[in-house]
Amino acid sequence: MMHTADLIKAFAAHRGDAIVISGRGGRHWVNHSDGVLDLPLGDPAMGGHAGFGLGLALAQPGKKVVLFDSEGDILMSMGQLPTIAEQAPANFYHFILDNEVYATTGGQPVPNAKNVDYAGIAKSSGYPRAMNYADIDAFTRDLPGILAAPGPVFVSCKVFPEVENTPIGQRVRWRTRSAAKVVHDLRGALKV
């Protein structure tokens, strides 16, 4: 298993000018980047990140779009995988951080967590490339090739759980910009 912060640090070195959507592992990305093209979505309805990422990739075909999703999100919206595969955005890179628990709601175990092959599910849903990683050295070694090839690409990463046990209404949010500021910055950077 990998530490999410190490995975994000390895990715940051190869991100280039990609639009990065930070899902449930977003607080780690925010610690590594203050870029205008970062979309720290935080905690929308579980399962919503992949659809948002697909829409953004289709709307901005000239920009690489990278999503850091979670296995909980995938399980809540499995229909996103065949939809993404069917649309086949060549600029979409879909990473999931699989920690085997629903970390943002208190650490409840994901059913059958040790046996689910998310890359296998993505591949059978039609993603042309899907792979699993549990070792930071292998992930770091292969990352440049993953990002150089056309998407859609699905990368499942086994990470250690980092559970938030503070009640949801009492949590200090890690988002550094308001949603309106994120949209404003993104429009300015994309000249929309």
Protein backbone atom coordinates (compact mmCIF):
# COMPACT_ATOMS: atom_id res chain seq x y z
CA MET A 1 0.00 0.00 0.00
CA MET A 2 1.02 3.59 -0.58
CA HIS A 3 0.62 6.78 1.40
CA THR A 4 -1.65 9.17 -0.48
CA ALA A 5 0.66 12.12 0.14
CA ASP A 6 3.57 10.20 -1.48
CA LEU A 7 1.43 9.29 -4.49
CA ILE A 8 0.33 12.91 -4.94
CA LYS A 9 3.92 14.13 -4.59
CA ALA A 10 5.03 11.69 -7.32
CA PHE A 11 2.20 12.87 -9.56
CA ALA A 12 2.93 16.58 -8.99
CA ALA A 13 6.31 16.20 -10.69
CA HIS A 14 4.56 15.10 -13.93
CA ARG A 15 1.31 17.09 -13.84
CA GLY A 16 2.33 19.71 -16.41
CA ASP A 17 -0.59 22.00 -17.22
CA ALA A 18 -3.28 19.38 -16.55
CA ILE A 19 -6.54 20.34 -14.90
CA VAL A 20 -6.56 18.38 -11.65
CA ILE A 21 -9.83 17.46 -9.95
CA SER A 22 -9.17 16.45 -6.39
CA GLY A 23 -11.88 14.21 -5.07
CA ARG A 24 -11.82 12.66 -1.64
CA GLY A 25 -7.99 12.68 -1.53
CA GLY A 26 -8.04 16.37 -2.34
CA ARG A 27 -6.62 17.69 0.85
CA HIS A 28 -3.30 16.08 -0.12
CA TRP A 29 -3.33 17.73 -3.54
CA VAL A 30 -4.05 21.14 -2.02
CA ASN A 31 -0.90 20.73 0.09
CA HIS A 32 1.17 20.24 -3.08
CA SER A 33 -0.34 22.79 -5.45
CA ASP A 34 -1.99 26.19 -5.50
CA GLY A 35 -2.45 26.15 -9.25
CA VAL A 36 -5.28 27.95 -10.96
CA LEU A 37 -6.15 24.75 -12.83
CA ASP A 38 -6.87 22.82 -9.64
CA LEU A 39 -10.47 21.97 -8.78
CA PRO A 40 -10.69 20.93 -5.12
CA LEU A 41 -14.29 19.68 -5.19
CA GLY A 42 -14.23 18.37 -1.65
CA ASP A 43 -17.21 16.25 -0.69
CA PRO A 44 -20.09 16.49 -3.17
CA ALA A 45 -22.51 13.58 -3.32
CA MET A 46 -20.48 10.38 -3.35
CA GLY A 47 -20.15 9.17 -6.95
CA GLY A 48 -20.27 12.59 -8.58
CA HIS A 49 -16.60 13.22 -9.32
CA ALA A 50 -16.30 10.91 -12.37
CA GLY A 51 -19.25 12.50 -14.17
CA PHE A 52 -17.85 15.96 -13.50
CA GLY A 53 -14.43 14.88 -14.77
CA LEU A 54 -15.92 13.40 -17.94
CA GLY A 55 -17.87 16.58 -18.63
CA LEU A 56 -14.79 18.74 -18.13
CA ALA A 57 -12.67 16.48 -20.36
CA LEU A 58 -15.28 16.67 -23.13
CA ALA A 59 -15.63 20.44 -22.74
CA GLN A 60 -11.83 21.02 -22.79
CA PRO A 61 -10.45 18.47 -25.31
CA GLY A 62 -7.20 20.38 -25.63
CA LYS A 63 -6.39 20.06 -21.91
CA LYS A 64 -5.37 16.98 -19.96
CA VAL A 65 -7.92 16.32 -17.18
CA VAL A 66 -6.83 14.25 -14.17
CA LEU A 67 -9.29 13.04 -11.54
CA PHE A 68 -8.33 11.65 -8.13
CA ASP A 69 -11.42 9.60 -7.28
CA SER A 70 -12.09 6.99 -4.57
CA GLU A 71 -13.37 3.44 -4.57
CA GLY A 72 -16.35 4.62 -2.52
CA ASP A 73 -17.26 7.05 -5.29
CA ILE A 74 -16.87 4.33 -7.93
CA LEU A 75 -19.11 1.97 -5.96
CA MET A 76 -21.79 4.63 -5.59
CA SER A 77 -21.89 5.30 -9.34
CA MET A 78 -20.63 2.30 -11.34
CA GLY A 79 -22.57 3.55 -14.37
CA GLN A 80 -19.96 6.27 -14.84
CA LEU A 81 -17.31 3.78 -15.99
CA PRO A 82 -19.06 2.50 -19.16
CA THR A 83 -20.22 6.04 -19.92
CA ILE A 84 -16.65 7.37 -19.76
CA ALA A 85 -15.42 4.42 -21.84
CA GLU A 86 -18.10 5.01 -24.46
CA GLN A 87 -17.31 8.72 -24.73
CA ALA A 88 -13.58 7.85 -24.82
CA PRO A 89 -12.05 11.25 -24.00
CA ALA A 90 -8.40 10.97 -25.00
CA ASN A 91 -7.51 13.64 -22.42
CA PHE A 92 -9.03 11.93 -19.33
CA TYR A 93 -6.89 10.24 -16.66
CA HIS A 94 -8.93 8.61 -13.90
CA PHE A 95 -7.01 7.67 -10.73
CA ILE A 96 -8.77 6.09 -7.76
CA LEU A 97 -7.40 6.04 -4.25
CA ASP A 98 -8.54 2.69 -2.84
CA ASN A 99 -8.15 2.66 0.95
CA GLU A 100 -10.72 -0.13 1.54
CA VAL A 101 -12.89 2.08 3.79
CA TYR A 102 -15.38 4.93 3.51
CA ALA A 103 -12.87 7.29 5.11
CA THR A 104 -14.84 10.55 4.92
CA THR A 105 -17.82 9.09 6.79
CA GLY A 106 -15.88 7.48 9.64
CA GLY A 107 -13.98 4.50 8.27
CA GLN A 108 -16.69 1.94 7.63
CA PRO A 109 -15.23 -1.00 5.66
CA VAL A 110 -15.97 -1.22 1.95
CA PRO A 111 -17.63 -4.60 1.25
CA ASN A 112 -15.24 -7.25 -0.11
CA ALA A 113 -12.53 -4.57 -0.27
CA LYS A 114 -9.54 -6.90 -0.52
CA ASN A 115 -10.97 -8.77 -3.52
CA VAL A 116 -12.42 -6.08 -5.79
CA ASP A 117 -10.33 -5.42 -8.90
CA TYR A 118 -11.32 -1.88 -9.87
CA ALA A 119 -8.96 -1.81 -12.85
CA GLY A 120 -10.57 -5.06 -14.01
CA ILE A 121 -14.02 -3.47 -13.69
CA ALA A 122 -12.87 -0.41 -15.65
CA LYS A 123 -11.29 -2.61 -18.34
CA SER A 124 -14.46 -4.69 -18.70
CA SER A 125 -16.46 -1.43 -18.85
CA GLY A 126 -14.47 -0.45 -21.94
CA TYR A 127 -11.52 1.62 -20.72
CA PRO A 128 -8.72 0.85 -23.19
CA ARG A 129 -6.07 1.00 -20.43
CA ALA A 130 -6.56 0.14 -16.78
CA MET A 131 -4.00 -0.87 -14.17
CA ASN A 132 -3.52 -1.47 -10.44
CA TYR A 133 -0.73 -0.20 -8.18
CA ALA A 134 0.11 -0.89 -4.55
CA ASP A 135 3.81 0.05 -4.63
CA ILE A 136 5.00 3.66 -4.80
CA ASP A 137 8.20 2.79 -6.68
CA ALA A 138 6.32 0.98 -9.47
CA PHE A 139 3.74 3.79 -9.61
CA THR A 140 6.44 6.48 -9.81
CA ARG A 141 8.35 4.54 -12.47
CA ASP A 142 5.29 4.01 -14.70
CA LEU A 143 3.59 7.38 -14.21
CA PRO A 144 5.29 9.27 -17.07
CA GLY A 145 4.18 6.58 -19.54
CA ILE A 146 0.65 6.56 -18.13
CA LEU A 147 0.32 10.31 -18.62
CA ALA A 148 1.99 10.28 -22.06
CA ALA A 149 -0.46 7.77 -23.57
CA PRO A 150 -3.94 8.78 -24.72
CA GLY A 151 -6.90 8.30 -22.40
CA PRO A 152 -9.22 7.38 -21.09
CA VAL A 153 -6.94 5.69 -18.60
CA PHE A 154 -7.97 4.15 -15.26
CA VAL A 155 -5.38 3.72 -12.49
CA SER A 156 -6.36 2.08 -9.21
CA CYS A 157 -3.98 2.84 -6.33
CA LYS A 158 -4.05 0.97 -3.02
CA VAL A 159 -3.45 3.53 -0.28
CA PHE A 160 -3.43 3.43 3.50
CA PRO A 161 -6.70 4.66 5.03
CA GLU A 162 -6.75 8.09 6.63
CA VAL A 163 -10.07 8.22 8.40
CA GLU A 164 -11.90 11.41 9.35
CA ASN A 165 -13.83 10.76 12.57
CA THR A 166 -14.83 14.33 13.37
CA PRO A 167 -18.57 14.74 12.77
CA ILE A 168 -19.20 16.14 9.29
CA GLY A 169 -20.74 19.40 10.54
CA GLN A 170 -17.71 20.12 12.76
CA ARG A 171 -14.92 19.48 10.24
CA VAL A 172 -12.49 22.20 9.23
CA ARG A 173 -12.55 22.19 5.46
CA TRP A 174 -9.31 22.14 3.53
CA ARG A 175 -10.64 24.06 0.55
CA THR A 176 -8.64 27.25 0.15
CA ARG A 177 -10.85 28.95 -2.44
CA SER A 178 -14.62 29.33 -2.63
CA ALA A 179 -16.45 27.47 -5.40
CA ALA A 180 -17.11 30.81 -7.15
CA LYS A 181 -13.39 31.68 -7.01
CA VAL A 182 -12.43 28.26 -8.44
CA VAL A 183 -14.82 28.75 -11.38
CA HIS A 184 -13.62 32.33 -11.92
CA ASP A 185 -9.94 31.25 -11.90
CA LEU A 186 -10.60 28.32 -14.22
CA ARG A 187 -12.49 30.48 -16.73
CA GLY A 188 -9.68 33.00 -16.71
CA ALA A 189 -7.01 30.34 -17.24
CA LEU A 190 -8.98 28.71 -20.06
CA LYS A 191 -10.03 32.08 -21.47
CA VAL A 192 -13.71 31.04 -21.50
